[in-house]
Amino acid sequence: MREIRDMEAFAESQNAVEEIYAERRRQVDSEGWSLDHDDEHCTGELALAAAVYAAQAGLLWATTNSHREAVKWLWPFAGPPKLTGDPRRMLIKAGALIVAEIERLDRRAASGDSVEEGGA
């Protein structure tokens, strides 16, 4: 019986991974955030944006607006973040941004660029 539950949990986690991939595709196709555009953000911006979405997911139950607004100062881009949706949606967005940052790092490594980011 446990194996069946484990398989069901695995199938649900696969669905979440597929949703993260679909969000990543949406970011590229609908928002226009191309791979070249991602490559321009080489000082942790994508990771910070993911952190804002993930933190917001945890703060949606905060009791005051100041708590809910606390992470917005981390937003690395011009204009405010689109912090709409439920916690799950926020985490899907965060996951897609994490994928974008990992892909950017992989492209950088594949190009032979070994310079550490943020350092001299």
C-alpha atoms as a PDB file:
ATOM      1  CA  MET A   1       0.000   0.000   0.000  1.00  0.00           C
ATOM      2  CA  ARG A   2       2.839   2.391   0.788  1.00  0.00           C
ATOM      3  CA  GLU A   3       4.296   1.846  -2.688  1.00  0.00           C
ATOM      4  CA  ILE A   4       1.014   2.993  -4.224  1.00  0.00           C
ATOM      5  CA  ARG A   5       1.022   6.145  -2.065  1.00  0.00           C
ATOM      6  CA  ASP A   6       4.661   6.755  -2.957  1.00  0.00           C
ATOM      7  CA  MET A   7       3.832   6.396  -6.660  1.00  0.00           C
ATOM      8  CA  GLU A   8       0.907   8.811  -6.281  1.00  0.00           C
ATOM      9  CA  ALA A   9       3.140  11.331  -4.503  1.00  0.00           C
ATOM     10  CA  PHE A  10       5.743  10.951  -7.239  1.00  0.00           C
ATOM     11  CA  ALA A  11       3.109  11.525  -9.921  1.00  0.00           C
ATOM     12  CA  GLU A  12       1.954  14.683  -8.120  1.00  0.00           C
ATOM     13  CA  SER A  13       5.536  15.953  -7.874  1.00  0.00           C
ATOM     14  CA  GLN A  14       5.991  15.265 -11.593  1.00  0.00           C
ATOM     15  CA  ASN A  15       2.910  17.395 -12.233  1.00  0.00           C
ATOM     16  CA  ALA A  16       4.486  20.247 -10.261  1.00  0.00           C
ATOM     17  CA  VAL A  17       7.703  19.931 -12.281  1.00  0.00           C
ATOM     18  CA  GLU A  18       5.665  20.025 -15.499  1.00  0.00           C
ATOM     19  CA  GLU A  19       3.905  23.168 -14.270  1.00  0.00           C
ATOM     20  CA  ILE A  20       7.258  24.805 -13.538  1.00  0.00           C
ATOM     21  CA  TYR A  21       8.410  23.918 -17.051  1.00  0.00           C
ATOM     22  CA  ALA A  22       5.155  25.295 -18.498  1.00  0.00           C
ATOM     23  CA  GLU A  23       5.656  28.537 -16.557  1.00  0.00           C
ATOM     24  CA  ARG A  24       9.207  28.780 -17.851  1.00  0.00           C
ATOM     25  CA  ARG A  25       7.898  28.354 -21.419  1.00  0.00           C
ATOM     26  CA  ARG A  26       5.250  31.026 -20.730  1.00  0.00           C
ATOM     27  CA  GLN A  27       7.920  33.422 -19.489  1.00  0.00           C
ATOM     28  CA  VAL A  28       9.859  32.934 -22.718  1.00  0.00           C
ATOM     29  CA  ASP A  29       6.933  32.771 -25.150  1.00  0.00           C
ATOM     30  CA  SER A  30       4.468  35.260 -23.645  1.00  0.00           C
ATOM     31  CA  GLU A  31       6.652  37.615 -21.639  1.00  0.00           C
ATOM     32  CA  GLY A  32       9.523  37.617 -24.146  1.00  0.00           C
ATOM     33  CA  TRP A  33      12.215  36.739 -21.615  1.00  0.00           C
ATOM     34  CA  SER A  34      14.542  35.064 -24.096  1.00  0.00           C
ATOM     35  CA  LEU A  35      17.690  33.131 -23.261  1.00  0.00           C
ATOM     36  CA  ASP A  36      19.748  36.099 -24.479  1.00  0.00           C
ATOM     37  CA  HIS A  37      17.763  38.354 -22.160  1.00  0.00           C
ATOM     38  CA  ASP A  38      18.383  35.971 -19.242  1.00  0.00           C
ATOM     39  CA  ASP A  39      22.101  35.960 -20.046  1.00  0.00           C
ATOM     40  CA  GLU A  40      22.183  39.725 -19.507  1.00  0.00           C
ATOM     41  CA  HIS A  41      21.236  39.211 -15.856  1.00  0.00           C
ATOM     42  CA  CYS A  42      24.549  37.925 -14.549  1.00  0.00           C
ATOM     43  CA  THR A  43      24.590  39.287 -11.006  1.00  0.00           C
ATOM     44  CA  GLY A  44      21.984  37.081  -9.388  1.00  0.00           C
ATOM     45  CA  GLU A  45      18.866  38.920 -10.495  1.00  0.00           C
ATOM     46  CA  LEU A  46      16.982  35.789 -11.567  1.00  0.00           C
ATOM     47  CA  ALA A  47      17.773  34.051  -8.287  1.00  0.00           C
ATOM     48  CA  LEU A  48      16.681  37.128  -6.314  1.00  0.00           C
ATOM     49  CA  ALA A  49      13.434  37.333  -8.275  1.00  0.00           C
ATOM     50  CA  ALA A  50      12.801  33.658  -7.487  1.00  0.00           C
ATOM     51  CA  ALA A  51      13.494  34.372  -3.811  1.00  0.00           C
ATOM     52  CA  VAL A  52      10.927  37.188  -3.799  1.00  0.00           C
ATOM     53  CA  TYR A  53       8.231  34.916  -5.218  1.00  0.00           C
ATOM     54  CA  ALA A  54       9.102  32.078  -2.843  1.00  0.00           C
ATOM     55  CA  ALA A  55       9.162  34.378   0.173  1.00  0.00           C
ATOM     56  CA  GLN A  56       5.867  35.941  -0.859  1.00  0.00           C
ATOM     57  CA  ALA A  57       4.323  32.461  -0.935  1.00  0.00           C
ATOM     58  CA  GLY A  58       5.261  32.077   2.712  1.00  0.00           C
ATOM     59  CA  LEU A  59       4.134  35.575   3.640  1.00  0.00           C
ATOM     60  CA  LEU A  60       0.624  35.401   2.205  1.00  0.00           C
ATOM     61  CA  TRP A  61      -0.588  34.413   5.655  1.00  0.00           C
ATOM     62  CA  ALA A  62       1.213  37.322   7.332  1.00  0.00           C
ATOM     63  CA  THR A  63      -1.046  39.340   9.556  1.00  0.00           C
ATOM     64  CA  THR A  64       0.126  42.805   8.531  1.00  0.00           C
ATOM     65  CA  ASN A  65       0.792  44.540   5.246  1.00  0.00           C
ATOM     66  CA  SER A  66       4.305  45.392   6.406  1.00  0.00           C
ATOM     67  CA  HIS A  67       5.101  41.688   6.603  1.00  0.00           C
ATOM     68  CA  ARG A  68       3.609  41.047   3.167  1.00  0.00           C
ATOM     69  CA  GLU A  69       5.557  43.961   1.699  1.00  0.00           C
ATOM     70  CA  ALA A  70       8.819  42.991   3.419  1.00  0.00           C
ATOM     71  CA  VAL A  71      10.408  41.116   0.511  1.00  0.00           C
ATOM     72  CA  LYS A  72       9.639  43.579  -2.270  1.00  0.00           C
ATOM     73  CA  TRP A  73      12.827  45.559  -1.596  1.00  0.00           C
ATOM     74  CA  LEU A  74      14.772  42.522  -2.871  1.00  0.00           C
ATOM     75  CA  TRP A  75      13.138  42.744  -6.316  1.00  0.00           C
ATOM     76  CA  PRO A  76      16.062  43.218  -8.730  1.00  0.00           C
ATOM     77  CA  PHE A  77      14.178  44.617 -11.725  1.00  0.00           C
ATOM     78  CA  ALA A  78      12.602  47.941 -12.649  1.00  0.00           C
ATOM     79  CA  GLY A  79       8.936  48.085 -11.781  1.00  0.00           C
ATOM     80  CA  PRO A  80       7.171  46.121  -9.074  1.00  0.00           C
ATOM     81  CA  PRO A  81       6.934  42.317  -9.079  1.00  0.00           C
ATOM     82  CA  LYS A  82       3.640  40.711 -10.087  1.00  0.00           C
ATOM     83  CA  LEU A  83       2.882  39.158  -6.715  1.00  0.00           C
ATOM     84  CA  THR A  84      -0.580  37.899  -7.524  1.00  0.00           C
ATOM     85  CA  GLY A  85      -1.945  34.439  -7.047  1.00  0.00           C
ATOM     86  CA  ASP A  86      -1.981  31.859  -4.349  1.00  0.00           C
ATOM     87  CA  PRO A  87       1.134  30.467  -2.625  1.00  0.00           C
ATOM     88  CA  ARG A  88       1.332  27.547  -5.047  1.00  0.00           C
ATOM     89  CA  ARG A  89       1.345  29.909  -8.047  1.00  0.00           C
ATOM     90  CA  MET A  90       4.075  31.995  -6.430  1.00  0.00           C
ATOM     91  CA  LEU A  91       6.189  28.858  -5.965  1.00  0.00           C
ATOM     92  CA  ILE A  92       5.647  27.811  -9.594  1.00  0.00           C
ATOM     93  CA  LYS A  93       6.919  31.247 -10.695  1.00  0.00           C
ATOM     94  CA  ALA A  94       9.869  30.949  -8.301  1.00  0.00           C
ATOM     95  CA  GLY A  95      10.684  27.478  -9.644  1.00  0.00           C
ATOM     96  CA  ALA A  96      10.643  28.717 -13.230  1.00  0.00           C
ATOM     97  CA  LEU A  97      12.994  31.571 -12.350  1.00  0.00           C
ATOM     98  CA  ILE A  98      15.310  29.125 -10.609  1.00  0.00           C
ATOM     99  CA  VAL A  99      15.324  27.013 -13.780  1.00  0.00           C
ATOM    100  CA  ALA A 100      16.138  30.135 -15.809  1.00  0.00           C
ATOM    101  CA  GLU A 101      19.092  30.925 -13.537  1.00  0.00           C
ATOM    102  CA  ILE A 102      20.399  27.344 -13.620  1.00  0.00           C
ATOM    103  CA  GLU A 103      20.140  27.297 -17.424  1.00  0.00           C
ATOM    104  CA  ARG A 104      21.971  30.638 -17.590  1.00  0.00           C
ATOM    105  CA  LEU A 105      24.766  29.313 -15.384  1.00  0.00           C
ATOM    106  CA  ASP A 106      25.010  26.173 -17.526  1.00  0.00           C
ATOM    107  CA  ARG A 107      25.260  28.242 -20.731  1.00  0.00           C
ATOM    108  CA  ARG A 108      27.961  30.347 -19.137  1.00  0.00           C
ATOM    109  CA  ALA A 109      29.944  27.268 -18.077  1.00  0.00           C
ATOM    110  CA  ALA A 110      29.537  25.699 -21.529  1.00  0.00           C
ATOM    111  CA  SER A 111      30.946  28.839 -23.129  1.00  0.00           C
ATOM    112  CA  GLY A 112      34.116  28.407 -21.095  1.00  0.00           C
ATOM    113  CA  ASP A 113      33.534  31.505 -19.011  1.00  0.00           C
ATOM    114  CA  SER A 114      34.831  30.597 -15.582  1.00  0.00           C
ATOM    115  CA  VAL A 115      34.870  34.073 -14.060  1.00  0.00           C
ATOM    116  CA  GLU A 116      33.098  34.053 -10.714  1.00  0.00           C
ATOM    117  CA  GLU A 117      30.100  36.326 -10.613  1.00  0.00           C
ATOM    118  CA  GLY A 118      30.049  39.245  -8.250  1.00  0.00           C
ATOM    119  CA  GLY A 119      33.789  39.115  -7.641  1.00  0.00           C
ATOM    120  CA  ALA A 120      36.931  40.575  -9.059  1.00  0.00           C
END
